[in-house]
Amino acid sequence: MLTISPQQMQQFERALDKQFVGRVIEYLSQQLPEAISAVNPQALRDRVSADLQVAGAYGIRRDADLAKWCFIAFVCGSAFHQSEDVQGLLKESLMPADAKMDFLTRSLAFALAKKE
């Protein structure tokens, strides 16, 4: 039987995390080309990694929801989750994480449409 050590699992998880950060950056580059191209590549990786950690701390797990989180963080700023209204939503225990992300995304789209 094949045995995988904890160190090997950590290396594998880090490689997957690095790949996922790359996929999120690719998504952001498609959605926000000007904003993303203005950021130094290493700073971009660091920022996306940090935003993903914050999302994870709120229980956001699905890849699509994590990408949405990073999109919102680029549009609204990485501290968007600290507002009282957003905190209320994110801490709502009866609403699943994907519904929270859908609501946040729709709210952002509505707010941006009102500005136009």
Protein backbone atom coordinates (compact mmCIF):
# COMPACT_ATOMS: atom_id res chain seq x y z
CA MET A 1 0.00 0.00 0.00
CA LEU A 2 1.24 3.46 -0.87
CA THR A 3 1.78 5.77 2.07
CA ILE A 4 1.81 9.54 1.63
CA SER A 5 3.61 11.47 4.33
CA PRO A 6 2.20 14.65 5.85
CA GLN A 7 5.04 16.58 4.23
CA GLN A 8 4.14 15.17 0.82
CA MET A 9 0.50 16.14 1.36
CA GLN A 10 1.55 19.68 2.28
CA GLN A 11 3.66 19.92 -0.89
CA PHE A 12 0.75 18.65 -2.97
CA GLU A 13 -1.68 21.11 -1.35
CA ARG A 14 0.73 24.01 -1.91
CA ALA A 15 1.06 23.05 -5.59
CA LEU A 16 -2.74 22.93 -5.94
CA ASP A 17 -3.09 26.28 -4.17
CA LYS A 18 -0.49 27.82 -6.50
CA GLN A 19 -2.34 26.46 -9.54
CA PHE A 20 -5.66 27.77 -8.25
CA VAL A 21 -4.20 31.24 -7.64
CA GLY A 22 -3.01 31.16 -11.25
CA ARG A 23 -6.49 30.24 -12.49
CA VAL A 24 -8.07 33.04 -10.45
CA ILE A 25 -5.54 35.51 -11.85
CA GLU A 26 -6.38 34.32 -15.37
CA TYR A 27 -10.09 34.84 -14.64
CA LEU A 28 -9.46 38.31 -13.23
CA SER A 29 -7.30 39.17 -16.24
CA GLN A 30 -10.22 38.34 -18.52
CA GLN A 31 -12.76 40.26 -16.44
CA LEU A 32 -10.66 43.25 -15.36
CA PRO A 33 -7.82 43.47 -17.88
CA GLU A 34 -6.79 47.07 -17.18
CA ALA A 35 -6.82 46.76 -13.41
CA ILE A 36 -4.94 43.46 -13.42
CA SER A 37 -2.30 44.52 -15.93
CA ALA A 38 -1.45 47.51 -13.72
CA VAL A 39 -0.38 45.26 -10.83
CA ASN A 40 3.09 43.73 -10.49
CA PRO A 41 2.79 39.93 -11.07
CA GLN A 42 4.18 38.95 -7.65
CA ALA A 43 2.08 41.57 -5.88
CA LEU A 44 -0.95 40.23 -7.77
CA ARG A 45 -0.22 36.66 -6.65
CA ASP A 46 0.23 37.85 -3.06
CA ARG A 47 -2.99 39.84 -3.15
CA VAL A 48 -5.06 37.04 -4.66
CA SER A 49 -3.60 34.57 -2.14
CA ALA A 50 -4.48 36.90 0.74
CA ASP A 51 -8.01 37.50 -0.61
CA LEU A 52 -8.52 33.73 -0.93
CA GLN A 53 -7.46 33.22 2.67
CA VAL A 54 -9.95 35.84 3.85
CA ALA A 55 -12.72 34.21 1.81
CA GLY A 56 -11.82 30.83 3.27
CA ALA A 57 -12.06 32.23 6.77
CA TYR A 58 -15.71 33.11 6.01
CA GLY A 59 -16.42 29.57 4.83
CA ILE A 60 -16.29 30.32 1.12
CA ARG A 61 -15.10 27.07 -0.48
CA ARG A 62 -16.36 26.63 -4.05
CA ASP A 63 -13.89 27.64 -6.75
CA ALA A 64 -16.43 29.85 -8.52
CA ASP A 65 -17.31 31.62 -5.28
CA LEU A 66 -13.64 32.17 -4.45
CA ALA A 67 -13.11 33.72 -7.88
CA LYS A 68 -16.14 35.96 -7.34
CA TRP A 69 -14.70 37.02 -3.98
CA CYS A 70 -11.42 38.04 -5.63
CA PHE A 71 -13.32 39.92 -8.34
CA ILE A 72 -15.27 41.86 -5.72
CA ALA A 73 -12.06 42.53 -3.80
CA PHE A 74 -10.49 44.08 -6.90
CA VAL A 75 -13.53 46.19 -7.71
CA CYS A 76 -14.33 47.31 -4.16
CA GLY A 77 -10.99 46.89 -2.39
CA SER A 78 -9.73 43.98 -0.33
CA ALA A 79 -11.34 45.36 2.84
CA PHE A 80 -14.88 45.31 1.37
CA HIS A 81 -15.84 42.50 3.75
CA GLN A 82 -15.26 44.73 6.78
CA SER A 83 -18.32 46.91 6.20
CA GLU A 84 -21.14 46.38 8.69
CA ASP A 85 -23.64 45.29 6.01
CA VAL A 86 -21.29 42.77 4.45
CA GLN A 87 -20.29 41.44 7.87
CA GLY A 88 -23.96 40.87 8.68
CA LEU A 89 -24.40 38.85 5.50
CA LEU A 90 -21.19 36.86 5.85
CA LYS A 91 -21.96 35.91 9.45
CA GLU A 92 -25.53 34.83 8.66
CA SER A 93 -25.56 31.19 9.73
CA LEU A 94 -28.75 30.14 7.93
CA MET A 95 -27.56 31.16 4.46
CA PRO A 96 -25.18 28.87 2.54
CA ALA A 97 -21.90 30.36 1.31
CA ASP A 98 -22.86 30.13 -2.38
CA ALA A 99 -26.05 32.11 -1.73
CA LYS A 100 -24.03 34.75 0.12
CA MET A 101 -21.66 35.08 -2.82
CA ASP A 102 -24.55 35.30 -5.29
CA PHE A 103 -26.11 38.05 -3.18
CA LEU A 104 -22.81 39.95 -2.91
CA THR A 105 -22.23 39.68 -6.67
CA ARG A 106 -25.75 40.86 -7.51
CA SER A 107 -25.49 43.71 -5.02
CA LEU A 108 -22.24 44.86 -6.61
CA ALA A 109 -23.74 44.68 -10.10
CA PHE A 110 -26.75 46.68 -8.94
CA ALA A 111 -24.58 49.33 -7.25
CA LEU A 112 -22.36 49.65 -10.33
CA ALA A 113 -25.40 49.97 -12.62
CA LYS A 114 -26.77 52.77 -10.46
CA LYS A 115 -23.50 54.70 -10.86
CA GLU A 116 -23.79 54.72 -14.65
